[in-house]
Amino acid sequence: MSLSAPFTLDDLARIIADRASTPAEQSYTAKLLAKGPAHAAKKLGEEAVEAAIAAVQGDRAGLVAEAADVLYHLLVVLEGAHVALDEVMNELQRRTAQSGLVEKASRRS
């Protein structure tokens, strides 16, 4: 049994940041970023649709795989936009300090 720490989104964000600085010929992450924000965002959208389809179809293994793709591509989009994962996590923390219904209603104004 492995005693290593579980893999986290912070780990993935660090890997993406490292790979972003490598030549596009050597890294899929760098290649996505080199093609610009619209390309990375399009890939994120495609993966999100595939995850939604897997969920609707009850394809558990497919959903796990597609969810991993969504998280990866979301972090690539964030990297390209120079938005730190910590910023997103802080926003989630702020939102979860109250009920979801109250938080959602507050965004309408």
N, C-alpha and C. Protein backbone atom coordinates (compact mmCIF):
# COMPACT_ATOMS: atom_id res chain seq x y z
N MET A 1 0.83 -1.17 0.00
CA MET A 1 0.00 0.00 0.00
C MET A 1 0.89 1.25 0.00
N SER A 2 0.54 2.21 -0.86
CA SER A 2 1.32 3.43 -0.99
C SER A 2 0.97 4.42 0.12
N LEU A 3 1.99 5.05 0.65
CA LEU A 3 1.77 6.06 1.69
C LEU A 3 1.90 7.47 1.13
N SER A 4 1.93 7.59 -0.19
CA SER A 4 2.08 8.92 -0.78
C SER A 4 0.80 9.73 -0.59
N ALA A 5 0.97 11.04 -0.58
CA ALA A 5 -0.17 11.94 -0.43
C ALA A 5 -1.07 11.84 -1.65
N PRO A 6 -2.36 12.05 -1.45
CA PRO A 6 -3.28 12.00 -2.60
C PRO A 6 -2.98 13.12 -3.59
N PHE A 7 -3.23 12.85 -4.84
CA PHE A 7 -3.06 13.83 -5.90
C PHE A 7 -4.14 14.89 -5.77
N THR A 8 -3.77 16.16 -5.86
CA THR A 8 -4.73 17.25 -5.67
C THR A 8 -4.81 18.14 -6.90
N LEU A 9 -5.81 19.02 -6.90
CA LEU A 9 -5.90 20.01 -7.97
C LEU A 9 -4.70 20.95 -7.93
N ASP A 10 -4.18 21.24 -6.75
CA ASP A 10 -2.96 22.05 -6.65
C ASP A 10 -1.80 21.36 -7.36
N ASP A 11 -1.69 20.04 -7.20
CA ASP A 11 -0.64 19.29 -7.90
C ASP A 11 -0.81 19.44 -9.41
N LEU A 12 -2.04 19.28 -9.88
CA LEU A 12 -2.30 19.39 -11.31
C LEU A 12 -2.01 20.80 -11.81
N ALA A 13 -2.39 21.81 -11.06
CA ALA A 13 -2.12 23.19 -11.45
C ALA A 13 -0.62 23.46 -11.55
N ARG A 14 0.16 22.89 -10.64
CA ARG A 14 1.62 23.05 -10.69
C ARG A 14 2.20 22.37 -11.93
N ILE A 15 1.72 21.18 -12.24
CA ILE A 15 2.20 20.46 -13.43
C ILE A 15 1.88 21.26 -14.69
N ILE A 16 0.66 21.79 -14.75
CA ILE A 16 0.26 22.57 -15.92
C ILE A 16 1.13 23.82 -16.04
N ALA A 17 1.37 24.50 -14.93
CA ALA A 17 2.23 25.69 -14.96
C ALA A 17 3.64 25.34 -15.45
N ASP A 18 4.18 24.22 -14.99
CA ASP A 18 5.51 23.79 -15.43
C ASP A 18 5.52 23.48 -16.92
N ARG A 19 4.51 22.76 -17.38
CA ARG A 19 4.47 22.36 -18.78
C ARG A 19 4.14 23.52 -19.71
N ALA A 20 3.51 24.54 -19.19
CA ALA A 20 3.17 25.71 -20.01
C ALA A 20 4.41 26.40 -20.54
N SER A 21 5.51 26.27 -19.81
CA SER A 21 6.75 26.95 -20.21
C SER A 21 7.65 26.09 -21.09
N THR A 22 7.20 24.90 -21.44
CA THR A 22 8.00 24.05 -22.33
C THR A 22 7.60 24.29 -23.78
N PRO A 23 8.43 23.89 -24.73
CA PRO A 23 8.07 24.06 -26.14
C PRO A 23 6.79 23.28 -26.50
N ALA A 24 5.98 23.88 -27.36
CA ALA A 24 4.70 23.28 -27.74
C ALA A 24 4.89 21.90 -28.38
N GLU A 25 6.03 21.66 -28.99
CA GLU A 25 6.28 20.35 -29.61
C GLU A 25 6.50 19.26 -28.57
N GLN A 26 6.76 19.66 -27.33
CA GLN A 26 7.08 18.70 -26.28
C GLN A 26 5.97 18.53 -25.25
N SER A 27 4.92 19.34 -25.33
CA SER A 27 3.90 19.31 -24.29
C SER A 27 2.53 19.62 -24.87
N TYR A 28 1.57 18.74 -24.59
CA TYR A 28 0.20 18.99 -25.02
C TYR A 28 -0.34 20.26 -24.35
N THR A 29 0.02 20.47 -23.09
CA THR A 29 -0.41 21.67 -22.37
C THR A 29 0.12 22.92 -23.06
N ALA A 30 1.40 22.93 -23.37
CA ALA A 30 1.99 24.08 -24.05
C ALA A 30 1.38 24.29 -25.42
N LYS A 31 1.07 23.20 -26.10
CA LYS A 31 0.45 23.28 -27.42
C LYS A 31 -0.94 23.92 -27.33
N LEU A 32 -1.73 23.50 -26.34
CA LEU A 32 -3.06 24.10 -26.13
C LEU A 32 -2.93 25.60 -25.88
N LEU A 33 -2.03 25.98 -25.00
CA LEU A 33 -1.87 27.38 -24.65
C LEU A 33 -1.34 28.20 -25.81
N ALA A 34 -0.48 27.62 -26.62
CA ALA A 34 0.09 28.33 -27.77
C ALA A 34 -0.98 28.66 -28.81
N LYS A 35 -2.03 27.86 -28.85
CA LYS A 35 -3.10 28.10 -29.82
C LYS A 35 -4.08 29.19 -29.37
N GLY A 36 -3.90 29.69 -28.17
CA GLY A 36 -4.70 30.81 -27.70
C GLY A 36 -5.87 30.42 -26.83
N PRO A 37 -6.44 31.42 -26.15
CA PRO A 37 -7.50 31.15 -25.19
C PRO A 37 -8.76 30.55 -25.81
N ALA A 38 -9.09 30.94 -27.02
CA ALA A 38 -10.31 30.40 -27.65
C ALA A 38 -10.18 28.90 -27.88
N HIS A 39 -9.01 28.45 -28.28
CA HIS A 39 -8.81 27.01 -28.53
C HIS A 39 -8.90 26.23 -27.22
N ALA A 40 -8.23 26.72 -26.19
CA ALA A 40 -8.28 26.03 -24.89
C ALA A 40 -9.70 26.02 -24.33
N ALA A 41 -10.42 27.13 -24.49
CA ALA A 41 -11.80 27.20 -24.01
C ALA A 41 -12.71 26.25 -24.79
N LYS A 42 -12.48 26.12 -26.09
CA LYS A 42 -13.26 25.19 -26.91
C LYS A 42 -13.05 23.76 -26.44
N LYS A 43 -11.81 23.41 -26.14
CA LYS A 43 -11.52 22.06 -25.64
C LYS A 43 -12.22 21.83 -24.30
N LEU A 44 -12.20 22.83 -23.42
CA LEU A 44 -12.90 22.72 -22.14
C LEU A 44 -14.38 22.46 -22.37
N GLY A 45 -14.98 23.20 -23.27
CA GLY A 45 -16.40 23.02 -23.58
C GLY A 45 -16.70 21.64 -24.11
N GLU A 46 -15.86 21.15 -25.00
CA GLU A 46 -16.05 19.80 -25.57
C GLU A 46 -16.01 18.75 -24.47
N GLU A 47 -15.04 18.88 -23.58
CA GLU A 47 -14.90 17.91 -22.50
C GLU A 47 -16.08 17.99 -21.53
N ALA A 48 -16.57 19.19 -21.27
CA ALA A 48 -17.72 19.34 -20.39
C ALA A 48 -18.96 18.67 -20.98
N VAL A 49 -19.16 18.82 -22.29
CA VAL A 49 -20.29 18.17 -22.95
C VAL A 49 -20.14 16.65 -22.86
N GLU A 50 -18.94 16.15 -23.10
CA GLU A 50 -18.71 14.71 -23.01
C GLU A 50 -18.97 14.19 -21.59
N ALA A 51 -18.59 14.97 -20.58
CA ALA A 51 -18.86 14.58 -19.19
C ALA A 51 -20.36 14.55 -18.93
N ALA A 52 -21.07 15.55 -19.43
CA ALA A 52 -22.52 15.61 -19.24
C ALA A 52 -23.20 14.42 -19.91
N ILE A 53 -22.77 14.07 -21.09
CA ILE A 53 -23.34 12.92 -21.81
C ILE A 53 -23.10 11.63 -21.03
N ALA A 54 -21.87 11.45 -20.55
CA ALA A 54 -21.55 10.26 -19.76
C ALA A 54 -22.44 10.19 -18.51
N ALA A 55 -22.68 11.32 -17.87
CA ALA A 55 -23.52 11.35 -16.67
C ALA A 55 -24.95 10.95 -17.01
N VAL A 56 -25.49 11.50 -18.08
CA VAL A 56 -26.86 11.20 -18.48
C VAL A 56 -27.01 9.74 -18.87
N GLN A 57 -25.98 9.20 -19.50
CA GLN A 57 -26.02 7.80 -19.93
C GLN A 57 -25.75 6.82 -18.79
N GLY A 58 -25.40 7.32 -17.63
CA GLY A 58 -25.09 6.45 -16.51
C GLY A 58 -23.77 5.71 -16.67
N ASP A 59 -22.89 6.27 -17.48
CA ASP A 59 -21.58 5.67 -17.76
C ASP A 59 -20.59 6.15 -16.70
N ARG A 60 -20.50 5.42 -15.61
CA ARG A 60 -19.68 5.84 -14.47
C ARG A 60 -18.20 5.98 -14.86
N ALA A 61 -17.66 4.98 -15.51
CA ALA A 61 -16.25 5.03 -15.91
C ALA A 61 -16.01 6.17 -16.89
N GLY A 62 -16.93 6.35 -17.81
CA GLY A 62 -16.82 7.44 -18.76
C GLY A 62 -16.87 8.79 -18.07
N LEU A 63 -17.75 8.91 -17.09
CA LEU A 63 -17.86 10.16 -16.35
C LEU A 63 -16.58 10.46 -15.58
N VAL A 64 -16.00 9.44 -14.96
CA VAL A 64 -14.74 9.65 -14.24
C VAL A 64 -13.66 10.16 -15.20
N ALA A 65 -13.54 9.52 -16.35
CA ALA A 65 -12.53 9.92 -17.34
C ALA A 65 -12.79 11.32 -17.88
N GLU A 66 -14.03 11.60 -18.20
CA GLU A 66 -14.37 12.91 -18.76
C GLU A 66 -14.26 14.01 -17.70
N ALA A 67 -14.61 13.71 -16.46
CA ALA A 67 -14.45 14.69 -15.39
C ALA A 67 -12.97 15.05 -15.21
N ALA A 68 -12.10 14.06 -15.33
CA ALA A 68 -10.66 14.34 -15.26
C ALA A 68 -10.25 15.27 -16.40
N ASP A 69 -10.79 15.01 -17.60
CA ASP A 69 -10.49 15.88 -18.74
C ASP A 69 -10.99 17.30 -18.50
N VAL A 70 -12.20 17.43 -17.93
CA VAL A 70 -12.76 18.75 -17.64
C VAL A 70 -11.86 19.51 -16.66
N LEU A 71 -11.46 18.85 -15.59
CA LEU A 71 -10.61 19.52 -14.60
C LEU A 71 -9.29 19.94 -15.22
N TYR A 72 -8.68 19.06 -16.00
CA TYR A 72 -7.41 19.39 -16.66
C TYR A 72 -7.59 20.61 -17.57
N HIS A 73 -8.59 20.56 -18.45
CA HIS A 73 -8.77 21.65 -19.41
C HIS A 73 -9.18 22.95 -18.73
N LEU A 74 -9.95 22.87 -17.63
CA LEU A 74 -10.28 24.07 -16.88
C LEU A 74 -9.01 24.72 -16.32
N LEU A 75 -8.13 23.91 -15.77
CA LEU A 75 -6.89 24.45 -15.22
C LEU A 75 -5.98 25.01 -16.31
N VAL A 76 -6.02 24.43 -17.50
CA VAL A 76 -5.27 24.99 -18.63
C VAL A 76 -5.83 26.36 -18.99
N VAL A 77 -7.16 26.47 -19.05
CA VAL A 77 -7.79 27.76 -19.36
C VAL A 77 -7.41 28.79 -18.29
N LEU A 78 -7.46 28.40 -17.03
CA LEU A 78 -7.08 29.31 -15.95
C LEU A 78 -5.62 29.74 -16.09
N GLU A 79 -4.75 28.80 -16.39
CA GLU A 79 -3.33 29.12 -16.58
C GLU A 79 -3.15 30.14 -17.70
N GLY A 80 -3.83 29.91 -18.80
CA GLY A 80 -3.73 30.82 -19.94
C GLY A 80 -4.25 32.21 -19.63
N ALA A 81 -5.22 32.30 -18.72
CA ALA A 81 -5.80 33.59 -18.34
C ALA A 81 -5.10 34.19 -17.12
N HIS A 82 -4.06 33.53 -16.63
CA HIS A 82 -3.31 33.99 -15.45
C HIS A 82 -4.22 34.12 -14.23
N VAL A 83 -5.11 33.15 -14.08
CA VAL A 83 -5.98 33.08 -12.92
C VAL A 83 -5.50 31.91 -12.07
N ALA A 84 -5.09 32.19 -10.85
CA ALA A 84 -4.58 31.14 -9.97
C ALA A 84 -5.73 30.28 -9.44
N LEU A 85 -5.46 29.00 -9.28
CA LEU A 85 -6.45 28.10 -8.70
C LEU A 85 -6.90 28.61 -7.34
N ASP A 86 -6.00 29.20 -6.58
CA ASP A 86 -6.35 29.75 -5.26
C ASP A 86 -7.47 30.79 -5.37
N GLU A 87 -7.48 31.56 -6.43
CA GLU A 87 -8.54 32.56 -6.61
C GLU A 87 -9.90 31.89 -6.75
N VAL A 88 -9.93 30.81 -7.51
CA VAL A 88 -11.18 30.07 -7.70
C VAL A 88 -11.60 29.41 -6.39
N MET A 89 -10.66 28.81 -5.70
CA MET A 89 -10.98 28.15 -4.43
C MET A 89 -11.47 29.16 -3.40
N ASN A 90 -10.88 30.36 -3.38
CA ASN A 90 -11.34 31.40 -2.47
C ASN A 90 -12.76 31.82 -2.79
N GLU A 91 -13.09 31.89 -4.07
CA GLU A 91 -14.46 32.23 -4.47
C GLU A 91 -15.43 31.13 -4.04
N LEU A 92 -15.02 29.89 -4.21
CA LEU A 92 -15.87 28.79 -3.75
C LEU A 92 -16.07 28.83 -2.24
N GLN A 93 -15.01 29.12 -1.53
CA GLN A 93 -15.11 29.23 -0.07
C GLN A 93 -16.07 30.35 0.32
N ARG A 94 -15.96 31.48 -0.36
CA ARG A 94 -16.85 32.61 -0.08
C ARG A 94 -18.30 32.20 -0.31
N ARG A 95 -18.54 31.51 -1.41
CA ARG A 95 -19.91 31.12 -1.75
C ARG A 95 -20.48 30.08 -0.80
N THR A 96 -19.66 29.20 -0.32
CA THR A 96 -20.17 28.13 0.55
C THR A 96 -20.32 28.57 2.00
N ALA A 97 -19.99 29.82 2.29
CA ALA A 97 -20.18 30.35 3.63
C ALA A 97 -21.67 30.62 3.91
N GLN A 98 -22.47 30.53 2.86
CA GLN A 98 -23.92 30.72 3.00
C GLN A 98 -24.61 29.65 2.18
N SER A 99 -25.92 29.54 2.30
CA SER A 99 -26.62 28.52 1.53
C SER A 99 -26.53 28.84 0.04
N GLY A 100 -26.57 27.83 -0.77
CA GLY A 100 -26.50 28.01 -2.22
C GLY A 100 -27.62 28.87 -2.76
N LEU A 101 -28.81 28.74 -2.19
CA LEU A 101 -29.96 29.52 -2.67
C LEU A 101 -29.77 31.00 -2.34
N VAL A 102 -29.26 31.30 -1.15
CA VAL A 102 -29.01 32.69 -0.77
C VAL A 102 -27.90 33.27 -1.64
N GLU A 103 -26.84 32.51 -1.84
CA GLU A 103 -25.72 32.98 -2.65
C GLU A 103 -26.18 33.25 -4.07
N LYS A 104 -26.94 32.35 -4.66
CA LYS A 104 -27.40 32.52 -6.04
C LYS A 104 -28.30 33.76 -6.15
N ALA A 105 -29.19 33.95 -5.19
CA ALA A 105 -30.07 35.12 -5.20
C ALA A 105 -29.27 36.42 -5.12
N SER A 106 -28.15 36.40 -4.40
CA SER A 106 -27.34 37.62 -4.27
C SER A 106 -26.67 38.01 -5.57
N ARG A 107 -26.51 37.07 -6.49
CA ARG A 107 -25.86 37.39 -7.78
C ARG A 107 -26.83 38.04 -8.75
N ARG A 108 -28.12 38.02 -8.48
CA ARG A 108 -29.11 38.58 -9.40
C ARG A 108 -29.11 40.09 -9.41
N SER A 109 -28.61 40.71 -8.36
CA SER A 109 -28.69 42.18 -8.29
C SER A 109 -27.61 42.86 -9.08
